[in-house]
Amino acid sequence: MAEKRDYYEVLGLQKGATDEEIKKAYRKLAKQYHPDLNPDNPEAEAKFKEVNEANDVLSDPQKRAKYDQFGHAGVDPSYGGGAGGFGGGFGGFSGDGIDLGDIFDSIFGGGSSRQSNPNAPRRGSDVTVPLSISFMEACKGLSYEMEINRAEVCDTCHGSGAKPGTSPKTCPDCHGSGQVRVQQRSMFGMMTSTRPCSRCGGKGKLIETPCPTCNGQCRVQRKKKITVAVPAGIDDGQTLIVGGEGNCGINGGPAGDLNVRITVRKDNIFERKGFDVWCEIPITYSQAVLGDELTVPTIDGNVKYSIPEGTQPGTVFRLRGKGIKKLQRDGRGDQMVRVVIEVPKKLNKKQKDALQNFEKELTPSNYEKRSSFFDKIKQFGEDLKKNFQQ
């Protein structure tokens, strides 16, 4: 198994960091390495997973306590040994009342068979909403006000779930743990396992008189207006994370995040490739032959650009620094302008005669590609003739 880095080191913290410091460090690094902001970057993806794993442990009081005491083995039973460490299996145990949960506790400092404290603070879930913006809004950025539906702490009971003037009571069956022990006879003797308490539903407490506003759920759904700052340069399919604006936490835990999934509508003129902007401009035959000053649209407005004499179909010109702003770094992409020569249609007799007279004045030297092509055809015929003679 690959050696894991210390979780505090992953988040750039010292042991003993406060919950707020952990939360702040996690948000910063999660945004920095988020896959949507680092497409096709395996290293960033690996760091994003590592940051999430570290936060999952250090933001949970019980997991953090086990990690501080036993290291990685305290929160990951498979770390550093695996199942083979038990030797001959469970055949050596004897007697009644074997509790597998206690066995894992003694070895791993808690083990995965134990549920976490049902009354411990838990982070709220994220809220994900779509946002459709125009091509130019993606290029320039914008401040957008949206209305979201999220869970918030009930104002009536302040999150207790009980009617004002009353309070939740500790469940008498599980004594507040949210779990009960069940004994079963097996080939090993009496085996003890733990299950969620059926009386309190695993919550560890009973609400005899529920809050009339939230009906004992501690939270209510509310609509809230959120102003989202969409940065310049964001691309289609990326997700914008607004920290702490998701569903509220449980038992005083931190709120989740608001994830805004961006969809960028197609533009009639521009196309995005990375941070570069592409567009096609049709020009006339005369402009291509004689050269001309073109009016070129850019995301900053129209600019003048001179094309030289003899411009060929499909020629691409580069306007440096006229592209899209690069996310989280300085600089902009470029604008690429591809010229397309439009062949005139529906010519009258006078126009056709003029064109034919013009063509008569031209020589093979005026057509480099055409001359080169027919030279190749001629050489091909001579080579073919030699092969037949042989």
Protein backbone atom coordinates (compact mmCIF):
# COMPACT_ATOMS: atom_id res chain seq x y z
CA MET A 1 0.00 0.00 0.00
CA ALA A 2 1.29 3.46 -0.90
CA GLU A 3 2.36 5.59 2.03
CA LYS A 4 -0.24 8.23 2.86
CA ARG A 5 0.71 11.78 3.71
CA ASP A 6 -0.20 13.23 7.09
CA TYR A 7 -3.69 14.74 6.85
CA TYR A 8 -2.59 17.96 8.55
CA GLU A 9 0.25 18.26 6.04
CA VAL A 10 -2.21 17.73 3.16
CA LEU A 11 -4.26 20.73 4.31
CA GLY A 12 -1.18 22.79 5.16
CA LEU A 13 -2.00 22.88 8.89
CA GLN A 14 -0.41 22.08 12.22
CA LYS A 15 -1.79 19.48 14.62
CA GLY A 16 -4.25 21.22 16.94
CA ALA A 17 -5.69 23.46 14.22
CA THR A 18 -9.16 24.82 14.94
CA ASP A 19 -12.30 23.66 13.13
CA GLU A 20 -12.49 27.03 11.37
CA GLU A 21 -8.88 26.73 10.16
CA ILE A 22 -9.59 23.24 8.80
CA LYS A 23 -12.74 24.43 7.05
CA LYS A 24 -10.96 27.44 5.50
CA ALA A 25 -7.97 25.38 4.31
CA TYR A 26 -10.23 22.72 2.80
CA ARG A 27 -12.31 25.21 0.81
CA LYS A 28 -9.22 26.90 -0.58
CA LEU A 29 -7.54 23.67 -1.70
CA ALA A 30 -10.77 22.05 -2.97
CA LYS A 31 -11.34 25.04 -5.21
CA GLN A 32 -7.70 25.06 -6.35
CA TYR A 33 -7.65 21.38 -7.38
CA HIS A 34 -11.31 20.92 -8.44
CA PRO A 35 -11.46 18.72 -11.60
CA ASP A 36 -13.79 21.17 -13.34
CA LEU A 37 -11.15 23.88 -13.09
CA ASN A 38 -8.32 21.48 -14.00
CA PRO A 39 -9.61 19.37 -16.91
CA ASP A 40 -7.36 16.51 -18.08
CA ASN A 41 -5.01 17.03 -15.13
CA PRO A 42 -4.49 13.70 -13.28
CA GLU A 43 -2.21 15.32 -10.68
CA ALA A 44 -4.85 17.89 -9.71
CA GLU A 45 -7.50 15.15 -9.57
CA ALA A 46 -5.33 13.07 -7.21
CA LYS A 47 -4.70 16.08 -4.96
CA PHE A 48 -8.45 16.87 -4.95
CA LYS A 49 -9.19 13.33 -3.69
CA GLU A 50 -6.40 13.59 -1.10
CA VAL A 51 -7.76 16.93 0.19
CA ASN A 52 -11.28 15.52 0.46
CA GLU A 53 -10.05 12.47 2.34
CA ALA A 54 -8.11 14.63 4.80
CA ASN A 55 -11.09 16.92 5.37
CA ASP A 56 -13.45 13.97 5.87
CA VAL A 57 -11.35 12.83 8.82
CA LEU A 58 -10.24 16.13 10.38
CA SER A 59 -13.70 17.76 10.17
CA ASP A 60 -15.28 14.87 12.12
CA PRO A 61 -14.49 15.18 15.87
CA GLN A 62 -14.53 11.42 16.50
CA LYS A 63 -12.48 10.49 13.43
CA ARG A 64 -10.02 13.25 14.20
CA ALA A 65 -9.55 12.02 17.79
CA LYS A 66 -8.81 8.51 16.53
CA TYR A 67 -6.45 9.84 13.88
CA ASP A 68 -4.57 12.00 16.41
CA GLN A 69 -4.12 8.93 18.63
CA PHE A 70 -3.46 6.11 16.14
CA GLY A 71 -2.68 7.85 12.84
CA HIS A 72 -4.07 6.40 9.60
CA ALA A 73 -4.73 3.02 11.21
CA GLY A 74 -7.23 4.67 13.53
CA VAL A 75 -9.54 5.67 10.67
CA ASP A 76 -8.72 3.09 7.98
CA PRO A 77 -8.84 -0.57 9.11
CA SER A 78 -7.14 -1.73 5.90
CA TYR A 79 -4.14 0.54 6.40
CA GLY A 80 -0.80 -1.13 7.15
CA GLY A 81 -1.83 -4.77 7.46
CA GLY A 82 -5.07 -5.92 5.89
CA ALA A 83 -7.23 -8.86 6.87
CA GLY A 84 -4.32 -11.29 6.91
CA GLY A 85 -3.13 -9.94 10.24
CA PHE A 86 -5.57 -12.16 12.10
CA GLY A 87 -3.55 -15.29 11.34
CA GLY A 88 -5.75 -18.38 11.74
CA GLY A 89 -9.05 -16.52 11.66
CA PHE A 90 -11.49 -16.64 14.59
CA GLY A 91 -11.04 -20.34 15.39
CA GLY A 92 -8.91 -19.55 18.44
CA PHE A 93 -11.67 -17.63 20.23
CA SER A 94 -13.74 -19.43 22.79
CA GLY A 95 -16.52 -18.64 25.19
CA ASP A 96 -19.79 -16.80 24.78
CA GLY A 97 -20.57 -13.17 24.04
CA ILE A 98 -17.85 -12.40 21.44
CA ASP A 99 -18.27 -8.79 20.24
CA LEU A 100 -16.65 -8.30 16.85
CA GLY A 101 -17.02 -4.57 17.30
CA ASP A 102 -14.83 -4.70 20.40
CA ILE A 103 -12.23 -6.76 18.52
CA PHE A 104 -11.93 -4.10 15.81
CA ASP A 105 -11.90 -1.37 18.45
CA SER A 106 -8.92 -2.91 20.22
CA ILE A 107 -6.95 -3.36 17.00
CA PHE A 108 -7.85 -0.27 14.97
CA GLY A 109 -8.95 2.19 17.60
CA GLY A 110 -12.59 2.21 16.55
CA GLY A 111 -12.99 0.26 13.37
CA SER A 112 -15.64 0.62 10.72
CA SER A 113 -18.22 -1.50 12.56
CA ARG A 114 -18.99 1.37 14.89
CA GLN A 115 -21.34 4.15 13.87
CA SER A 116 -20.40 7.71 14.66
CA ASN A 117 -22.18 9.62 17.39
CA PRO A 118 -25.64 10.44 16.00
CA ASN A 119 -25.63 13.74 17.87
CA ALA A 120 -22.20 14.87 16.66
CA PRO A 121 -22.06 17.94 14.37
CA ARG A 122 -22.35 17.00 10.70
CA ARG A 123 -21.74 19.06 7.60
CA GLY A 124 -24.79 19.95 5.54
CA SER A 125 -25.17 18.59 2.02
CA ASP A 126 -24.33 20.66 -1.05
CA VAL A 127 -26.94 22.32 -3.23
CA THR A 128 -26.38 22.09 -6.99
CA VAL A 129 -28.10 24.46 -9.41
CA PRO A 130 -27.66 25.09 -13.16
CA LEU A 131 -26.84 28.50 -14.64
CA SER A 132 -27.02 29.26 -18.37
CA ILE A 133 -24.99 32.27 -19.53
CA SER A 134 -24.11 33.78 -22.91
CA PHE A 135 -20.73 33.47 -24.62
CA MET A 136 -19.89 37.11 -23.89
CA GLU A 137 -20.90 36.77 -20.21
CA ALA A 138 -18.50 33.83 -19.93
CA CYS A 139 -15.74 35.95 -21.50
CA LYS A 140 -16.31 39.03 -19.36
CA GLY A 141 -17.74 37.57 -16.12
CA LEU A 142 -20.84 38.80 -14.36
CA SER A 143 -22.60 39.16 -11.02
CA TYR A 144 -25.76 37.06 -11.12
CA GLU A 145 -28.56 36.99 -8.55
CA MET A 146 -30.34 33.64 -8.31
CA GLU A 147 -32.95 32.16 -6.03
CA ILE A 148 -32.17 28.78 -4.50
CA ASN A 149 -34.12 26.38 -2.32
CA ARG A 150 -32.11 25.12 0.66
CA ALA A 151 -32.48 23.69 4.17
CA GLU A 152 -32.07 26.19 7.02
CA VAL A 153 -32.22 25.85 10.80
CA CYS A 154 -35.79 26.15 12.06
CA ASP A 155 -36.28 29.56 13.67
CA THR A 156 -39.00 28.26 15.99
CA CYS A 157 -37.09 25.46 17.73
CA HIS A 158 -33.58 26.69 16.82
CA GLY A 159 -32.67 23.26 15.50
CA SER A 160 -33.76 21.14 18.48
CA GLY A 161 -36.82 19.71 16.74
CA ALA A 162 -38.88 20.09 19.91
CA LYS A 163 -41.75 22.45 20.56
CA PRO A 164 -40.62 25.65 22.34
CA GLY A 165 -40.69 25.09 26.12
CA THR A 166 -39.83 21.40 25.70
CA SER A 167 -36.62 19.57 24.85
CA PRO A 168 -35.62 16.21 23.33
CA LYS A 169 -35.15 13.33 25.78
CA THR A 170 -32.42 10.71 25.73
CA CYS A 171 -33.67 7.45 24.25
CA PRO A 172 -34.06 4.91 27.09
CA ASP A 173 -33.34 1.95 24.82
CA CYS A 174 -29.95 3.03 23.44
CA HIS A 175 -29.11 5.60 26.16
CA GLY A 176 -28.33 8.24 23.54
CA SER A 177 -25.88 6.18 21.47
CA GLY A 178 -28.31 5.55 18.62
CA GLN A 179 -27.34 1.85 18.64
CA VAL A 180 -28.41 -1.28 20.45
CA ARG A 181 -26.55 -4.54 20.90
CA VAL A 182 -28.08 -7.74 19.57
CA GLN A 183 -26.88 -11.24 20.53
CA GLN A 184 -27.09 -14.18 18.13
CA ARG A 185 -25.93 -17.75 18.54
CA SER A 186 -23.51 -18.92 15.85
CA MET A 187 -20.85 -21.54 15.22
CA PHE A 188 -18.48 -19.33 17.25
CA GLY A 189 -20.84 -19.13 20.21
CA MET A 190 -22.85 -16.08 21.15
CA MET A 191 -21.99 -13.24 18.78
CA THR A 192 -22.83 -9.63 19.62
CA SER A 193 -23.45 -7.03 16.94
CA THR A 194 -24.77 -3.48 16.95
CA ARG A 195 -27.77 -2.13 15.04
CA PRO A 196 -29.48 1.25 14.81
CA CYS A 197 -31.96 1.71 17.61
CA SER A 198 -35.48 1.11 16.25
CA ARG A 199 -37.14 3.28 18.90
CA CYS A 200 -35.31 6.53 18.09
CA GLY A 201 -34.32 5.64 14.53
CA GLY A 202 -30.64 5.83 15.38
CA LYS A 203 -30.83 9.45 16.56
CA GLY A 204 -30.19 8.72 20.23
CA LYS A 205 -33.00 11.00 21.36
CA LEU A 206 -36.78 11.16 21.34
CA ILE A 207 -38.91 14.20 20.59
CA GLU A 208 -42.18 13.75 22.46
CA THR A 209 -43.67 17.10 21.39
CA PRO A 210 -42.40 18.00 17.92
CA CYS A 211 -41.93 21.60 16.81
CA PRO A 212 -45.08 22.71 14.93
CA THR A 213 -43.00 24.53 12.29
CA CYS A 214 -40.51 21.83 11.23
CA ASN A 215 -42.46 18.82 12.61
CA GLY A 216 -39.41 17.68 14.55
CA GLN A 217 -37.05 17.75 11.56
CA CYS A 218 -34.94 20.61 13.01
CA ARG A 219 -34.68 22.19 9.55
CA VAL A 220 -37.05 23.83 7.08
CA GLN A 221 -36.82 24.46 3.33
CA ARG A 222 -36.57 28.12 2.40
CA LYS A 223 -35.91 30.13 -0.73
CA LYS A 224 -33.02 32.54 -0.60
CA LYS A 225 -31.55 34.97 -3.09
CA ILE A 226 -27.82 34.50 -3.63
CA THR A 227 -25.55 36.77 -5.65
CA VAL A 228 -22.97 34.69 -7.50
CA ALA A 229 -19.78 36.24 -8.90
CA VAL A 230 -19.07 34.38 -12.14
CA PRO A 231 -15.39 34.95 -13.05
CA ALA A 232 -14.28 36.04 -16.51
CA GLY A 233 -13.01 33.09 -18.52
CA ILE A 234 -15.25 30.38 -17.05
CA ASP A 235 -16.02 27.63 -19.56
CA ASP A 236 -18.99 25.48 -20.45
CA GLY A 237 -19.41 22.51 -18.07
CA GLN A 238 -17.38 23.98 -15.20
CA THR A 239 -18.77 24.23 -11.66
CA LEU A 240 -18.53 27.36 -9.55
CA ILE A 241 -18.34 26.61 -5.79
CA VAL A 242 -19.84 29.14 -3.37
CA GLY A 243 -18.70 28.07 0.09
CA GLY A 244 -21.19 27.77 2.94
CA GLU A 245 -24.31 28.56 0.90
CA GLY A 246 -25.65 24.99 0.74
CA ASN A 247 -27.92 23.17 3.16
CA CYS A 248 -27.35 23.95 6.84
CA GLY A 249 -25.47 21.45 8.97
CA ILE A 250 -26.93 19.01 11.46
CA ASN A 251 -26.38 19.34 15.21
CA GLY A 252 -24.55 22.62 14.72
CA GLY A 253 -22.31 21.36 11.90
CA PRO A 254 -21.12 23.63 9.08
CA ALA A 255 -23.29 24.31 6.05
CA GLY A 256 -22.62 22.66 2.72
CA ASP A 257 -21.64 24.53 -0.43
CA LEU A 258 -23.58 25.87 -3.38
CA ASN A 259 -22.39 24.29 -6.64
CA VAL A 260 -23.31 26.32 -9.71
CA ARG A 261 -22.98 24.28 -12.90
CA ILE A 262 -22.27 26.56 -15.84
CA THR A 263 -23.70 26.14 -19.32
CA VAL A 264 -22.40 28.58 -21.95
CA ARG A 265 -24.72 29.18 -24.89
CA LYS A 266 -23.22 29.07 -28.40
CA ASP A 267 -22.42 32.35 -30.15
CA ASN A 268 -23.30 33.25 -33.74
CA ILE A 269 -19.84 34.70 -34.50
CA PHE A 270 -17.28 33.31 -32.06
CA GLU A 271 -16.14 29.82 -31.10
CA ARG A 272 -13.99 29.02 -28.08
CA LYS A 273 -10.99 26.65 -28.14
CA GLY A 274 -9.25 26.68 -24.78
CA PHE A 275 -8.64 30.36 -24.07
CA ASP A 276 -8.46 31.27 -27.77
CA VAL A 277 -11.38 32.73 -29.72
CA TRP A 278 -11.95 31.73 -33.36
CA CYS A 279 -14.07 33.41 -36.02
CA GLU A 280 -14.45 33.22 -39.79
CA ILE A 281 -14.65 36.30 -42.02
CA PRO A 282 -15.85 36.05 -45.64
CA ILE A 283 -13.90 38.21 -48.11
CA THR A 284 -14.33 38.85 -51.82
CA TYR A 285 -12.09 37.57 -54.59
CA SER A 286 -10.84 41.11 -55.21
CA GLN A 287 -9.98 41.63 -51.55
CA ALA A 288 -7.99 38.39 -51.52
CA VAL A 289 -6.10 39.36 -54.70
CA LEU A 290 -5.44 43.03 -53.94
CA GLY A 291 -5.36 42.97 -50.11
CA ASP A 292 -7.59 45.16 -47.97
CA GLU A 293 -8.25 46.54 -44.51
CA LEU A 294 -10.89 44.41 -42.77
CA THR A 295 -13.16 45.18 -39.84
CA VAL A 296 -12.69 42.25 -37.45
CA PRO A 297 -15.09 41.61 -34.53
CA THR A 298 -13.46 40.71 -31.20
CA ILE A 299 -14.89 40.20 -27.72
CA ASP A 300 -13.62 43.72 -26.93
CA GLY A 301 -15.24 45.32 -30.00
CA ASN A 302 -14.32 45.79 -33.66
CA VAL A 303 -10.70 46.30 -34.72
CA LYS A 304 -9.01 47.04 -38.06
CA TYR A 305 -6.73 44.43 -39.62
CA SER A 306 -4.92 44.63 -42.99
CA ILE A 307 -4.62 41.47 -45.08
CA PRO A 308 -1.85 41.31 -47.69
CA GLU A 309 -2.15 40.88 -51.46
CA GLY A 310 -2.61 37.30 -52.58
CA THR A 311 -4.28 36.08 -49.38
CA GLN A 312 -5.22 32.44 -49.89
CA PRO A 313 -8.49 30.70 -48.85
CA GLY A 314 -8.39 29.39 -45.28
CA THR A 315 -5.50 31.64 -44.20
CA VAL A 316 -5.55 32.18 -40.41
CA PHE A 317 -4.40 35.45 -38.86
CA ARG A 318 -3.62 35.79 -35.14
CA LEU A 319 -4.61 38.76 -32.98
CA ARG A 320 -2.49 38.36 -29.85
CA GLY A 321 -4.06 39.01 -26.47
CA LYS A 322 -7.56 39.37 -27.91
CA GLY A 323 -8.82 36.06 -26.56
CA ILE A 324 -10.36 34.98 -23.23
CA LYS A 325 -8.96 35.76 -19.78
CA LYS A 326 -7.17 32.80 -18.21
CA LEU A 327 -8.70 31.55 -14.96
CA GLN A 328 -6.63 31.97 -11.78
CA ARG A 329 -3.63 33.37 -13.68
CA ASP A 330 -2.58 36.39 -15.65
CA GLY A 331 -2.87 36.76 -19.38
CA ARG A 332 -5.38 36.14 -22.13
CA GLY A 333 -5.60 33.85 -25.11
CA ASP A 334 -5.48 35.03 -28.71
CA GLN A 335 -8.10 35.54 -31.39
CA MET A 336 -7.70 33.48 -34.54
CA VAL A 337 -9.29 34.88 -37.72
CA ARG A 338 -9.81 32.51 -40.64
CA VAL A 339 -10.61 34.19 -43.99
CA VAL A 340 -13.00 32.48 -46.38
CA ILE A 341 -13.09 33.64 -50.02
CA GLU A 342 -16.65 33.83 -51.26
CA VAL A 343 -17.04 32.99 -54.95
CA PRO A 344 -19.57 35.34 -56.62
CA LYS A 345 -22.75 33.84 -58.03
CA LYS A 346 -25.36 34.90 -60.63
CA LEU A 347 -22.96 36.96 -62.82
CA ASN A 348 -24.44 38.85 -65.80
CA LYS A 349 -22.87 38.77 -69.28
CA LYS A 350 -20.90 41.96 -68.77
CA GLN A 351 -19.40 40.64 -65.52
CA LYS A 352 -18.54 37.30 -67.11
CA ASP A 353 -16.86 38.99 -70.08
CA ALA A 354 -14.83 41.20 -67.76
CA LEU A 355 -13.73 38.19 -65.74
CA GLN A 356 -12.74 36.25 -68.85
CA ASN A 357 -10.73 39.20 -70.17
CA PHE A 358 -9.03 39.46 -66.79
CA GLU A 359 -8.21 35.74 -66.86
CA LYS A 360 -6.61 36.08 -70.31
CA GLU A 361 -4.15 38.61 -68.91
CA LEU A 362 -2.89 36.14 -66.29
CA THR A 363 0.09 33.82 -66.75
CA PRO A 364 1.05 30.56 -65.02
CA SER A 365 3.35 32.56 -62.73
CA ASN A 366 0.26 34.15 -61.20
CA TYR A 367 -0.92 30.68 -60.06
CA GLU A 368 1.87 29.05 -58.05
CA LYS A 369 -0.19 26.15 -56.67
CA ARG A 370 -1.91 25.48 -60.00
CA SER A 371 1.39 25.44 -61.91
CA SER A 372 2.97 23.20 -59.31
CA PHE A 373 0.03 20.81 -59.45
CA PHE A 374 0.15 20.39 -63.24
CA ASP A 375 3.92 19.90 -63.10
CA LYS A 376 3.26 16.99 -60.73
CA ILE A 377 0.62 15.59 -63.08
CA LYS A 378 3.06 15.77 -65.98
CA GLN A 379 5.77 14.01 -63.97
CA PHE A 380 3.30 11.35 -62.89
CA GLY A 381 2.42 10.63 -66.57
CA GLU A 382 6.09 10.31 -67.54
CA ASP A 383 6.80 7.92 -64.66
CA LEU A 384 3.76 5.83 -65.58
CA LYS A 385 4.93 5.61 -69.20
CA LYS A 386 8.41 4.43 -68.13
CA ASN A 387 6.88 1.68 -65.98
CA PHE A 388 4.88 0.35 -68.91
CA GLN A 389 7.94 0.38 -71.21
CA GLN A 390 9.89 -1.69 -68.68
